[in-house]
Amino acid sequence: MGKSYTPKYIVETTYSTPHIDVGGRGTWAVKEYGAPTKENLEAWRVAMNASFKPGGANAVTEGIVPHISKARILTNRHIGRHRGWTPTAVRVVVAETTMPMFEVV
């Protein structure tokens, strides 16, 4: 089996796509995306939205194309176990961004 670890930062997203009111959660890779700042988060949000378009890495071939409207980076620290219970997560918002009022998709 492999080694498991807790990522230092996570990114939560909210999609503003008609009929799809979902969000997602993933890890924020500092080596790949840079420090967890508002500017880097906005650049990531714009790049992810571009990747959903036809020809992009995450292109959607049929149906409604997702669009990230909000994103935020949180710390992902776990404090110790208490009598066998699962670890409790302590999350603090580090950076947050929201799409502009009008954004060409």
PDB file of N, CA and C in Angstrom:
ATOM      1  N   MET A   1       0.829  -1.183   0.000  1.00  0.00           N
ATOM      2  CA  MET A   1       0.000   0.000   0.000  1.00  0.00           C
ATOM      3  C   MET A   1       0.870   1.243   0.000  1.00  0.00           C
ATOM      4  N   GLY A   2       0.289   2.316  -0.523  1.00  0.00           N
ATOM      5  CA  GLY A   2       1.015   3.573  -0.593  1.00  0.00           C
ATOM      6  C   GLY A   2       0.908   4.382   0.680  1.00  0.00           C
ATOM      7  N   LYS A   3       1.645   5.435   0.710  1.00  0.00           N
ATOM      8  CA  LYS A   3       1.648   6.332   1.859  1.00  0.00           C
ATOM      9  C   LYS A   3       0.506   7.329   1.718  1.00  0.00           C
ATOM     10  N   SER A   4      -0.237   7.559   2.767  1.00  0.00           N
ATOM     11  CA  SER A   4      -1.292   8.571   2.712  1.00  0.00           C
ATOM     12  C   SER A   4      -0.809   9.829   3.442  1.00  0.00           C
ATOM     13  N   TYR A   5      -1.303  10.958   3.012  1.00  0.00           N
ATOM     14  CA  TYR A   5      -0.920  12.217   3.637  1.00  0.00           C
ATOM     15  C   TYR A   5      -2.101  13.172   3.590  1.00  0.00           C
ATOM     16  N   THR A   6      -2.054  14.180   4.403  1.00  0.00           N
ATOM     17  CA  THR A   6      -3.080  15.213   4.411  1.00  0.00           C
ATOM     18  C   THR A   6      -2.515  16.428   3.699  1.00  0.00           C
ATOM     19  N   PRO A   7      -3.150  16.853   2.592  1.00  0.00           N
ATOM     20  CA  PRO A   7      -2.642  18.031   1.887  1.00  0.00           C
ATOM     21  C   PRO A   7      -2.750  19.279   2.764  1.00  0.00           C
ATOM     22  N   LYS A   8      -1.809  20.206   2.594  1.00  0.00           N
ATOM     23  CA  LYS A   8      -1.779  21.410   3.423  1.00  0.00           C
ATOM     24  C   LYS A   8      -2.944  22.348   3.097  1.00  0.00           C
ATOM     25  N   TYR A   9      -3.313  22.433   1.815  1.00  0.00           N
ATOM     26  CA  TYR A   9      -4.401  23.319   1.399  1.00  0.00           C
ATOM     27  C   TYR A   9      -5.389  22.545   0.530  1.00  0.00           C
ATOM     28  N   ILE A  10      -6.650  22.933   0.627  1.00  0.00           N
ATOM     29  CA  ILE A  10      -7.666  22.402  -0.275  1.00  0.00           C
ATOM     30  C   ILE A  10      -8.349  23.573  -0.962  1.00  0.00           C
ATOM     31  N   VAL A  11      -8.931  23.313  -2.127  1.00  0.00           N
ATOM     32  CA  VAL A  11      -9.666  24.342  -2.858  1.00  0.00           C
ATOM     33  C   VAL A  11     -11.109  23.864  -3.013  1.00  0.00           C
ATOM     34  N   GLU A  12     -12.048  24.728  -2.661  1.00  0.00           N
ATOM     35  CA  GLU A  12     -13.469  24.432  -2.823  1.00  0.00           C
ATOM     36  C   GLU A  12     -14.017  25.309  -3.935  1.00  0.00           C
ATOM     37  N   THR A  13     -14.840  24.725  -4.801  1.00  0.00           N
ATOM     38  CA  THR A  13     -15.393  25.466  -5.931  1.00  0.00           C
ATOM     39  C   THR A  13     -16.909  25.391  -5.930  1.00  0.00           C
ATOM     40  N   THR A  14     -17.517  26.421  -6.513  1.00  0.00           N
ATOM     41  CA  THR A  14     -18.958  26.470  -6.726  1.00  0.00           C
ATOM     42  C   THR A  14     -19.175  26.759  -8.196  1.00  0.00           C
ATOM     43  N   TYR A  15     -20.055  25.993  -8.809  1.00  0.00           N
ATOM     44  CA  TYR A  15     -20.336  26.161 -10.235  1.00  0.00           C
ATOM     45  C   TYR A  15     -21.622  26.953 -10.420  1.00  0.00           C
ATOM     46  N   SER A  16     -21.623  27.883 -11.384  1.00  0.00           N
ATOM     47  CA  SER A  16     -22.824  28.657 -11.686  1.00  0.00           C
ATOM     48  C   SER A  16     -23.335  28.253 -13.061  1.00  0.00           C
ATOM     49  N   THR A  17     -23.649  27.000 -13.196  1.00  0.00           N
ATOM     50  CA  THR A  17     -24.130  26.470 -14.454  1.00  0.00           C
ATOM     51  C   THR A  17     -25.616  26.180 -14.296  1.00  0.00           C
ATOM     52  N   PRO A  18     -26.438  26.583 -15.266  1.00  0.00           N
ATOM     53  CA  PRO A  18     -27.876  26.314 -15.145  1.00  0.00           C
ATOM     54  C   PRO A  18     -28.148  24.827 -14.925  1.00  0.00           C
ATOM     55  N   HIS A  19     -29.040  24.543 -14.018  1.00  0.00           N
ATOM     56  CA  HIS A  19     -29.480  23.189 -13.686  1.00  0.00           C
ATOM     57  C   HIS A  19     -28.409  22.359 -12.994  1.00  0.00           C
ATOM     58  N   ILE A  20     -27.250  22.916 -12.742  1.00  0.00           N
ATOM     59  CA  ILE A  20     -26.201  22.200 -12.013  1.00  0.00           C
ATOM     60  C   ILE A  20     -25.774  23.096 -10.862  1.00  0.00           C
ATOM     61  N   ASP A  21     -26.233  22.796  -9.673  1.00  0.00           N
ATOM     62  CA  ASP A  21     -25.873  23.583  -8.502  1.00  0.00           C
ATOM     63  C   ASP A  21     -25.007  22.705  -7.601  1.00  0.00           C
ATOM     64  N   VAL A  22     -23.791  22.497  -8.049  1.00  0.00           N
ATOM     65  CA  VAL A  22     -22.882  21.626  -7.307  1.00  0.00           C
ATOM     66  C   VAL A  22     -21.575  22.347  -7.048  1.00  0.00           C
ATOM     67  N   GLY A  23     -20.809  21.799  -6.204  1.00  0.00           N
ATOM     68  CA  GLY A  23     -19.478  22.320  -5.941  1.00  0.00           C
ATOM     69  C   GLY A  23     -18.499  21.164  -5.915  1.00  0.00           C
ATOM     70  N   GLY A  24     -17.261  21.493  -5.757  1.00  0.00           N
ATOM     71  CA  GLY A  24     -16.253  20.449  -5.718  1.00  0.00           C
ATOM     72  C   GLY A  24     -15.167  20.793  -4.732  1.00  0.00           C
ATOM     73  N   ARG A  25     -14.337  19.818  -4.446  1.00  0.00           N
ATOM     74  CA  ARG A  25     -13.225  20.032  -3.532  1.00  0.00           C
ATOM     75  C   ARG A  25     -12.029  19.266  -4.063  1.00  0.00           C
ATOM     76  N   GLY A  26     -10.893  19.890  -4.026  1.00  0.00           N
ATOM     77  CA  GLY A  26      -9.655  19.255  -4.462  1.00  0.00           C
ATOM     78  C   GLY A  26      -8.493  19.815  -3.673  1.00  0.00           C
ATOM     79  N   THR A  27      -7.310  19.391  -4.024  1.00  0.00           N
ATOM     80  CA  THR A  27      -6.130  19.873  -3.316  1.00  0.00           C
ATOM     81  C   THR A  27      -5.503  21.039  -4.071  1.00  0.00           C
ATOM     82  N   TRP A  28      -4.878  21.933  -3.335  1.00  0.00           N
ATOM     83  CA  TRP A  28      -4.157  23.065  -3.914  1.00  0.00           C
ATOM     84  C   TRP A  28      -2.683  22.714  -3.868  1.00  0.00           C
ATOM     85  N   ALA A  29      -2.096  22.417  -5.018  1.00  0.00           N
ATOM     86  CA  ALA A  29      -0.685  22.035  -5.101  1.00  0.00           C
ATOM     87  C   ALA A  29       0.173  23.291  -5.218  1.00  0.00           C
ATOM     88  N   VAL A  30       0.858  23.639  -4.161  1.00  0.00           N
ATOM     89  CA  VAL A  30       1.663  24.860  -4.119  1.00  0.00           C
ATOM     90  C   VAL A  30       2.758  24.828  -5.185  1.00  0.00           C
ATOM     91  N   LYS A  31       3.373  23.668  -5.398  1.00  0.00           N
ATOM     92  CA  LYS A  31       4.437  23.564  -6.404  1.00  0.00           C
ATOM     93  C   LYS A  31       3.913  23.817  -7.810  1.00  0.00           C
ATOM     94  N   GLU A  32       2.659  23.460  -8.059  1.00  0.00           N
ATOM     95  CA  GLU A  32       2.088  23.617  -9.398  1.00  0.00           C
ATOM     96  C   GLU A  32       1.406  24.969  -9.593  1.00  0.00           C
ATOM     97  N   TYR A  33       0.634  25.419  -8.600  1.00  0.00           N
ATOM     98  CA  TYR A  33      -0.176  26.630  -8.746  1.00  0.00           C
ATOM     99  C   TYR A  33       0.402  27.859  -8.063  1.00  0.00           C
ATOM    100  N   GLY A  34       1.417  27.696  -7.250  1.00  0.00           N
ATOM    101  CA  GLY A  34       2.006  28.818  -6.537  1.00  0.00           C
ATOM    102  C   GLY A  34       1.410  28.985  -5.156  1.00  0.00           C
ATOM    103  N   ALA A  35       1.806  30.045  -4.500  1.00  0.00           N
ATOM    104  CA  ALA A  35       1.322  30.326  -3.149  1.00  0.00           C
ATOM    105  C   ALA A  35      -0.194  30.509  -3.163  1.00  0.00           C
ATOM    106  N   PRO A  36      -0.863  30.185  -2.075  1.00  0.00           N
ATOM    107  CA  PRO A  36      -2.318  30.316  -2.032  1.00  0.00           C
ATOM    108  C   PRO A  36      -2.765  31.769  -1.854  1.00  0.00           C
ATOM    109  N   THR A  37      -2.703  32.537  -2.947  1.00  0.00           N
ATOM    110  CA  THR A  37      -3.113  33.938  -2.916  1.00  0.00           C
ATOM    111  C   THR A  37      -4.356  34.134  -3.777  1.00  0.00           C
ATOM    112  N   LYS A  38      -5.008  35.272  -3.607  1.00  0.00           N
ATOM    113  CA  LYS A  38      -6.199  35.578  -4.390  1.00  0.00           C
ATOM    114  C   LYS A  38      -5.874  35.653  -5.888  1.00  0.00           C
ATOM    115  N   GLU A  39      -4.737  36.231  -6.231  1.00  0.00           N
ATOM    116  CA  GLU A  39      -4.338  36.363  -7.638  1.00  0.00           C
ATOM    117  C   GLU A  39      -4.113  34.990  -8.276  1.00  0.00           C
ATOM    118  N   ASN A  40      -3.409  34.107  -7.578  1.00  0.00           N
ATOM    119  CA  ASN A  40      -3.170  32.762  -8.110  1.00  0.00           C
ATOM    120  C   ASN A  40      -4.463  31.957  -8.205  1.00  0.00           C
ATOM    121  N   LEU A  41      -5.349  32.148  -7.236  1.00  0.00           N
ATOM    122  CA  LEU A  41      -6.630  31.450  -7.264  1.00  0.00           C
ATOM    123  C   LEU A  41      -7.483  31.915  -8.442  1.00  0.00           C
ATOM    124  N   GLU A  42      -7.492  33.211  -8.716  1.00  0.00           N
ATOM    125  CA  GLU A  42      -8.255  33.735  -9.852  1.00  0.00           C
ATOM    126  C   GLU A  42      -7.672  33.224 -11.168  1.00  0.00           C
ATOM    127  N   ALA A  43      -6.351  33.181 -11.286  1.00  0.00           N
ATOM    128  CA  ALA A  43      -5.725  32.643 -12.497  1.00  0.00           C
ATOM    129  C   ALA A  43      -6.085  31.164 -12.669  1.00  0.00           C
ATOM    130  N   TRP A  44      -6.114  30.419 -11.578  1.00  0.00           N
ATOM    131  CA  TRP A  44      -6.490  29.008 -11.623  1.00  0.00           C
ATOM    132  C   TRP A  44      -7.943  28.852 -12.059  1.00  0.00           C
ATOM    133  N   ARG A  45      -8.845  29.696 -11.517  1.00  0.00           N
ATOM    134  CA  ARG A  45     -10.270  29.627 -11.856  1.00  0.00           C
ATOM    135  C   ARG A  45     -10.489  29.885 -13.340  1.00  0.00           C
ATOM    136  N   VAL A  46      -9.821  30.909 -13.873  1.00  0.00           N
ATOM    137  CA  VAL A  46      -9.946  31.242 -15.295  1.00  0.00           C
ATOM    138  C   VAL A  46      -9.394  30.097 -16.159  1.00  0.00           C
ATOM    139  N   ALA A  47      -8.249  29.534 -15.771  1.00  0.00           N
ATOM    140  CA  ALA A  47      -7.659  28.426 -16.531  1.00  0.00           C
ATOM    141  C   ALA A  47      -8.539  27.180 -16.485  1.00  0.00           C
ATOM    142  N   MET A  48      -9.120  26.885 -15.332  1.00  0.00           N
ATOM    143  CA  MET A  48     -10.009  25.725 -15.229  1.00  0.00           C
ATOM    144  C   MET A  48     -11.242  25.915 -16.103  1.00  0.00           C
ATOM    145  N   ASN A  49     -11.827  27.115 -16.088  1.00  0.00           N
ATOM    146  CA  ASN A  49     -12.998  27.376 -16.936  1.00  0.00           C
ATOM    147  C   ASN A  49     -12.638  27.228 -18.408  1.00  0.00           C
ATOM    148  N   ALA A  50     -11.444  27.672 -18.796  1.00  0.00           N
ATOM    149  CA  ALA A  50     -11.016  27.528 -20.193  1.00  0.00           C
ATOM    150  C   ALA A  50     -10.833  26.055 -20.549  1.00  0.00           C
ATOM    151  N   SER A  51     -10.431  25.230 -19.580  1.00  0.00           N
ATOM    152  CA  SER A  51     -10.204  23.811 -19.865  1.00  0.00           C
ATOM    153  C   SER A  51     -11.503  23.049 -20.114  1.00  0.00           C
ATOM    154  N   PHE A  52     -12.641  23.607 -19.683  1.00  0.00           N
ATOM    155  CA  PHE A  52     -13.937  22.954 -19.910  1.00  0.00           C
ATOM    156  C   PHE A  52     -14.446  23.166 -21.335  1.00  0.00           C
ATOM    157  N   LYS A  53     -13.896  24.155 -22.034  1.00  0.00           N
ATOM    158  CA  LYS A  53     -14.351  24.461 -23.391  1.00  0.00           C
ATOM    159  C   LYS A  53     -13.895  23.385 -24.370  1.00  0.00           C
ATOM    160  N   PRO A  54     -14.537  23.288 -25.550  1.00  0.00           N
ATOM    161  CA  PRO A  54     -14.128  22.287 -26.541  1.00  0.00           C
ATOM    162  C   PRO A  54     -12.645  22.420 -26.878  1.00  0.00           C
ATOM    163  N   GLY A  55     -11.962  21.302 -26.890  1.00  0.00           N
ATOM    164  CA  GLY A  55     -10.526  21.278 -27.154  1.00  0.00           C
ATOM    165  C   GLY A  55      -9.683  21.386 -25.896  1.00  0.00           C
ATOM    166  N   GLY A  56     -10.310  21.687 -24.764  1.00  0.00           N
ATOM    167  CA  GLY A  56      -9.572  21.811 -23.510  1.00  0.00           C
ATOM    168  C   GLY A  56      -9.320  20.459 -22.867  1.00  0.00           C
ATOM    169  N   ALA A  57      -8.482  20.441 -21.849  1.00  0.00           N
ATOM    170  CA  ALA A  57      -8.125  19.195 -21.167  1.00  0.00           C
ATOM    171  C   ALA A  57      -9.320  18.537 -20.492  1.00  0.00           C
ATOM    172  N   ASN A  58     -10.267  19.329 -20.009  1.00  0.00           N
ATOM    173  CA  ASN A  58     -11.456  18.806 -19.334  1.00  0.00           C
ATOM    174  C   ASN A  58     -12.713  19.055 -20.159  1.00  0.00           C
ATOM    175  N   ALA A  59     -12.565  19.043 -21.471  1.00  0.00           N
ATOM    176  CA  ALA A  59     -13.667  19.394 -22.368  1.00  0.00           C
ATOM    177  C   ALA A  59     -14.889  18.505 -22.146  1.00  0.00           C
ATOM    178  N   VAL A  60     -16.042  19.146 -22.190  1.00  0.00           N
ATOM    179  CA  VAL A  60     -17.314  18.438 -22.086  1.00  0.00           C
ATOM    180  C   VAL A  60     -17.866  18.322 -23.502  1.00  0.00           C
ATOM    181  N   THR A  61     -18.069  17.099 -23.962  1.00  0.00           N
ATOM    182  CA  THR A  61     -18.487  16.902 -25.349  1.00  0.00           C
ATOM    183  C   THR A  61     -19.997  17.024 -25.534  1.00  0.00           C
ATOM    184  N   GLU A  62     -20.754  16.708 -24.516  1.00  0.00           N
ATOM    185  CA  GLU A  62     -22.208  16.787 -24.618  1.00  0.00           C
ATOM    186  C   GLU A  62     -22.769  17.446 -23.376  1.00  0.00           C
ATOM    187  N   GLY A  63     -23.913  18.095 -23.540  1.00  0.00           N
ATOM    188  CA  GLY A  63     -24.591  18.661 -22.390  1.00  0.00           C
ATOM    189  C   GLY A  63     -24.106  20.049 -22.031  1.00  0.00           C
ATOM    190  N   ILE A  64     -24.284  20.393 -20.788  1.00  0.00           N
ATOM    191  CA  ILE A  64     -23.985  21.729 -20.291  1.00  0.00           C
ATOM    192  C   ILE A  64     -22.532  21.796 -19.831  1.00  0.00           C
ATOM    193  N   VAL A  65     -21.839  22.825 -20.267  1.00  0.00           N
ATOM    194  CA  VAL A  65     -20.433  23.011 -19.890  1.00  0.00           C
ATOM    195  C   VAL A  65     -20.384  23.679 -18.516  1.00  0.00           C
ATOM    196  N   PRO A  66     -19.676  23.101 -17.550  1.00  0.00           N
ATOM    197  CA  PRO A  66     -19.594  23.708 -16.216  1.00  0.00           C
ATOM    198  C   PRO A  66     -18.803  25.012 -16.234  1.00  0.00           C
ATOM    199  N   HIS A  67     -19.076  25.852 -15.262  1.00  0.00           N
ATOM    200  CA  HIS A  67     -18.385  27.139 -15.133  1.00  0.00           C
ATOM    201  C   HIS A  67     -18.205  27.441 -13.649  1.00  0.00           C
ATOM    202  N   ILE A  68     -16.963  27.616 -13.223  1.00  0.00           N
ATOM    203  CA  ILE A  68     -16.673  27.892 -11.812  1.00  0.00           C
ATOM    204  C   ILE A  68     -16.946  29.363 -11.532  1.00  0.00           C
ATOM    205  N   SER A  69     -17.862  29.619 -10.598  1.00  0.00           N
ATOM    206  CA  SER A  69     -18.195  30.998 -10.257  1.00  0.00           C
ATOM    207  C   SER A  69     -17.491  31.467  -8.987  1.00  0.00           C
ATOM    208  N   LYS A  70     -17.258  30.575  -8.052  1.00  0.00           N
ATOM    209  CA  LYS A  70     -16.585  30.927  -6.799  1.00  0.00           C
ATOM    210  C   LYS A  70     -15.559  29.867  -6.471  1.00  0.00           C
ATOM    211  N   ALA A  71     -14.480  30.295  -5.867  1.00  0.00           N
ATOM    212  CA  ALA A  71     -13.460  29.356  -5.413  1.00  0.00           C
ATOM    213  C   ALA A  71     -12.798  29.927  -4.164  1.00  0.00           C
ATOM    214  N   ARG A  72     -12.382  29.035  -3.297  1.00  0.00           N
ATOM    215  CA  ARG A  72     -11.660  29.478  -2.107  1.00  0.00           C
ATOM    216  C   ARG A  72     -10.671  28.404  -1.687  1.00  0.00           C
ATOM    217  N   ILE A  73      -9.558  28.868  -1.140  1.00  0.00           N
ATOM    218  CA  ILE A  73      -8.510  27.977  -0.648  1.00  0.00           C
ATOM    219  C   ILE A  73      -8.600  27.978   0.873  1.00  0.00           C
ATOM    220  N   LEU A  74      -8.554  26.792   1.444  1.00  0.00           N
ATOM    221  CA  LEU A  74      -8.624  26.647   2.891  1.00  0.00           C
ATOM    222  C   LEU A  74      -7.427  25.847   3.387  1.00  0.00           C
ATOM    223  N   THR A  75      -7.003  26.129   4.623  1.00  0.00           N
ATOM    224  CA  THR A  75      -6.000  25.275   5.242  1.00  0.00           C
ATOM    225  C   THR A  75      -6.674  23.955   5.560  1.00  0.00           C
ATOM    226  N   ASN A  76      -5.919  22.895   5.608  1.00  0.00           N
ATOM    227  CA  ASN A  76      -6.486  21.569   5.829  1.00  0.00           C
ATOM    228  C   ASN A  76      -5.710  20.880   6.940  1.00  0.00           C
ATOM    229  N   ARG A  77      -5.939  21.315   8.145  1.00  0.00           N
ATOM    230  CA  ARG A  77      -5.230  20.742   9.290  1.00  0.00           C
ATOM    231  C   ARG A  77      -6.178  19.821  10.054  1.00  0.00           C
ATOM    232  N   HIS A  78      -5.635  18.732  10.499  1.00  0.00           N
ATOM    233  CA  HIS A  78      -6.413  17.806  11.323  1.00  0.00           C
ATOM    234  C   HIS A  78      -5.811  17.792  12.714  1.00  0.00           C
ATOM    235  N   ILE A  79      -6.671  17.890  13.694  1.00  0.00           N
ATOM    236  CA  ILE A  79      -6.186  17.772  15.068  1.00  0.00           C
ATOM    237  C   ILE A  79      -6.357  16.315  15.489  1.00  0.00           C
ATOM    238  N   GLY A  80      -5.722  15.937  16.541  1.00  0.00           N
ATOM    239  CA  GLY A  80      -5.650  14.531  16.945  1.00  0.00           C
ATOM    240  C   GLY A  80      -6.983  13.830  17.165  1.00  0.00           C
ATOM    241  N   ARG A  81      -6.882  12.538  17.270  1.00  0.00           N
ATOM    242  CA  ARG A  81      -8.067  11.709  17.501  1.00  0.00           C
ATOM    243  C   ARG A  81      -8.484  11.800  18.965  1.00  0.00           C
ATOM    244  N   HIS A  82      -9.764  11.615  19.192  1.00  0.00           N
ATOM    245  CA  HIS A  82     -10.273  11.646  20.543  1.00  0.00           C
ATOM    246  C   HIS A  82     -11.006  10.336  20.805  1.00  0.00           C
ATOM    247  N   ARG A  83     -10.410   9.468  21.559  1.00  0.00           N
ATOM    248  CA  ARG A  83     -11.002   8.181  21.927  1.00  0.00           C
ATOM    249  C   ARG A  83     -11.480   7.380  20.719  1.00  0.00           C
ATOM    250  N   GLY A  84     -10.668   7.320  19.699  1.00  0.00           N
ATOM    251  CA  GLY A  84     -11.001   6.492  18.551  1.00  0.00           C
ATOM    252  C   GLY A  84     -11.874   7.158  17.505  1.00  0.00           C
ATOM    253  N   TRP A  85     -12.350   8.372  17.777  1.00  0.00           N
ATOM    254  CA  TRP A  85     -13.171   9.061  16.783  1.00  0.00           C
ATOM    255  C   TRP A  85     -12.289   9.534  15.637  1.00  0.00           C
ATOM    256  N   THR A  86     -12.888   9.801  14.504  1.00  0.00           N
ATOM    257  CA  THR A  86     -12.116  10.279  13.364  1.00  0.00           C
ATOM    258  C   THR A  86     -11.553  11.665  13.658  1.00  0.00           C
ATOM    259  N   PRO A  87     -10.450  12.023  13.006  1.00  0.00           N
ATOM    260  CA  PRO A  87      -9.832  13.327  13.267  1.00  0.00           C
ATOM    261  C   PRO A  87     -10.776  14.479  12.918  1.00  0.00           C
ATOM    262  N   THR A  88     -10.668  15.541  13.646  1.00  0.00           N
ATOM    263  CA  THR A  88     -11.469  16.734  13.401  1.00  0.00           C
ATOM    264  C   THR A  88     -10.673  17.689  12.523  1.00  0.00           C
ATOM    265  N   ALA A  89     -11.315  18.199  11.484  1.00  0.00           N
ATOM    266  CA  ALA A  89     -10.632  19.111  10.560  1.00  0.00           C
ATOM    267  C   ALA A  89     -10.797  20.551  11.037  1.00  0.00           C
ATOM    268  N   VAL A  90      -9.722  21.311  10.949  1.00  0.00           N
ATOM    269  CA  VAL A  90      -9.738  22.736  11.241  1.00  0.00           C
ATOM    270  C   VAL A  90      -9.393  23.435   9.939  1.00  0.00           C
ATOM    271  N   ARG A  91     -10.365  24.160   9.374  1.00  0.00           N
ATOM    272  CA  ARG A  91     -10.153  24.798   8.075  1.00  0.00           C
ATOM    273  C   ARG A  91     -10.357  26.300   8.202  1.00  0.00           C
ATOM    274  N   VAL A  92      -9.377  27.049   7.684  1.00  0.00           N
ATOM    275  CA  VAL A  92      -9.422  28.506   7.696  1.00  0.00           C
ATOM    276  C   VAL A  92      -9.267  28.990   6.257  1.00  0.00           C
ATOM    277  N   VAL A  93     -10.100  29.944   5.845  1.00  0.00           N
ATOM    278  CA  VAL A  93     -10.022  30.474   4.484  1.00  0.00           C
ATOM    279  C   VAL A  93      -8.752  31.296   4.333  1.00  0.00           C
ATOM    280  N   VAL A  94      -7.955  30.958   3.309  1.00  0.00           N
ATOM    281  CA  VAL A  94      -6.704  31.654   3.024  1.00  0.00           C
ATOM    282  C   VAL A  94      -6.917  32.664   1.898  1.00  0.00           C
ATOM    283  N   ALA A  95      -7.641  32.263   0.849  1.00  0.00           N
ATOM    284  CA  ALA A  95      -7.906  33.133  -0.298  1.00  0.00           C
ATOM    285  C   ALA A  95      -9.277  32.781  -0.859  1.00  0.00           C
ATOM    286  N   GLU A  96      -9.942  33.796  -1.423  1.00  0.00           N
ATOM    287  CA  GLU A  96     -11.284  33.593  -1.970  1.00  0.00           C
ATOM    288  C   GLU A  96     -11.454  34.483  -3.186  1.00  0.00           C
ATOM    289  N   THR A  97     -12.150  33.979  -4.201  1.00  0.00           N
ATOM    290  CA  THR A  97     -12.408  34.766  -5.403  1.00  0.00           C
ATOM    291  C   THR A  97     -13.797  34.446  -5.940  1.00  0.00           C
ATOM    292  N   THR A  98     -14.378  35.422  -6.580  1.00  0.00           N
ATOM    293  CA  THR A  98     -15.699  35.275  -7.199  1.00  0.00           C
ATOM    294  C   THR A  98     -15.616  35.844  -8.602  1.00  0.00           C
ATOM    295  N   MET A  99     -16.327  35.218  -9.532  1.00  0.00           N
ATOM    296  CA  MET A  99     -16.299  35.703 -10.903  1.00  0.00           C
ATOM    297  C   MET A  99     -16.896  37.105 -10.965  1.00  0.00           C
ATOM    298  N   PRO A 100     -16.515  37.912 -11.973  1.00  0.00           N
ATOM    299  CA  PRO A 100     -17.107  39.224 -12.118  1.00  0.00           C
ATOM    300  C   PRO A 100     -18.596  39.134 -12.426  1.00  0.00           C
ATOM    301  N   MET A 101     -19.304  40.254 -12.319  1.00  0.00           N
ATOM    302  CA  MET A 101     -20.749  40.267 -12.543  1.00  0.00           C
ATOM    303  C   MET A 101     -21.085  39.721 -13.925  1.00  0.00           C
ATOM    304  N   PHE A 102     -20.319  40.112 -14.944  1.00  0.00           N
ATOM    305  CA  PHE A 102     -20.530  39.611 -16.285  1.00  0.00           C
ATOM    306  C   PHE A 102     -19.209  39.029 -16.777  1.00  0.00           C
ATOM    307  N   GLU A 103     -19.249  37.789 -17.218  1.00  0.00           N
ATOM    308  CA  GLU A 103     -18.049  37.119 -17.697  1.00  0.00           C
ATOM    309  C   GLU A 103     -18.411  36.355 -18.960  1.00  0.00           C
ATOM    310  N   VAL A 104     -17.691  36.602 -20.023  1.00  0.00           N
ATOM    311  CA  VAL A 104     -17.952  35.915 -21.289  1.00  0.00           C
ATOM    312  C   VAL A 104     -17.460  34.482 -21.164  1.00  0.00           C
ATOM    313  N   VAL A 105     -18.338  33.566 -21.474  1.00  0.00           N
ATOM    314  CA  VAL A 105     -18.017  32.142 -21.317  1.00  0.00           C
ATOM    315  C   VAL A 105     -17.748  31.547 -22.671  1.00  0.00           C
TER     316      VAL A 105
END
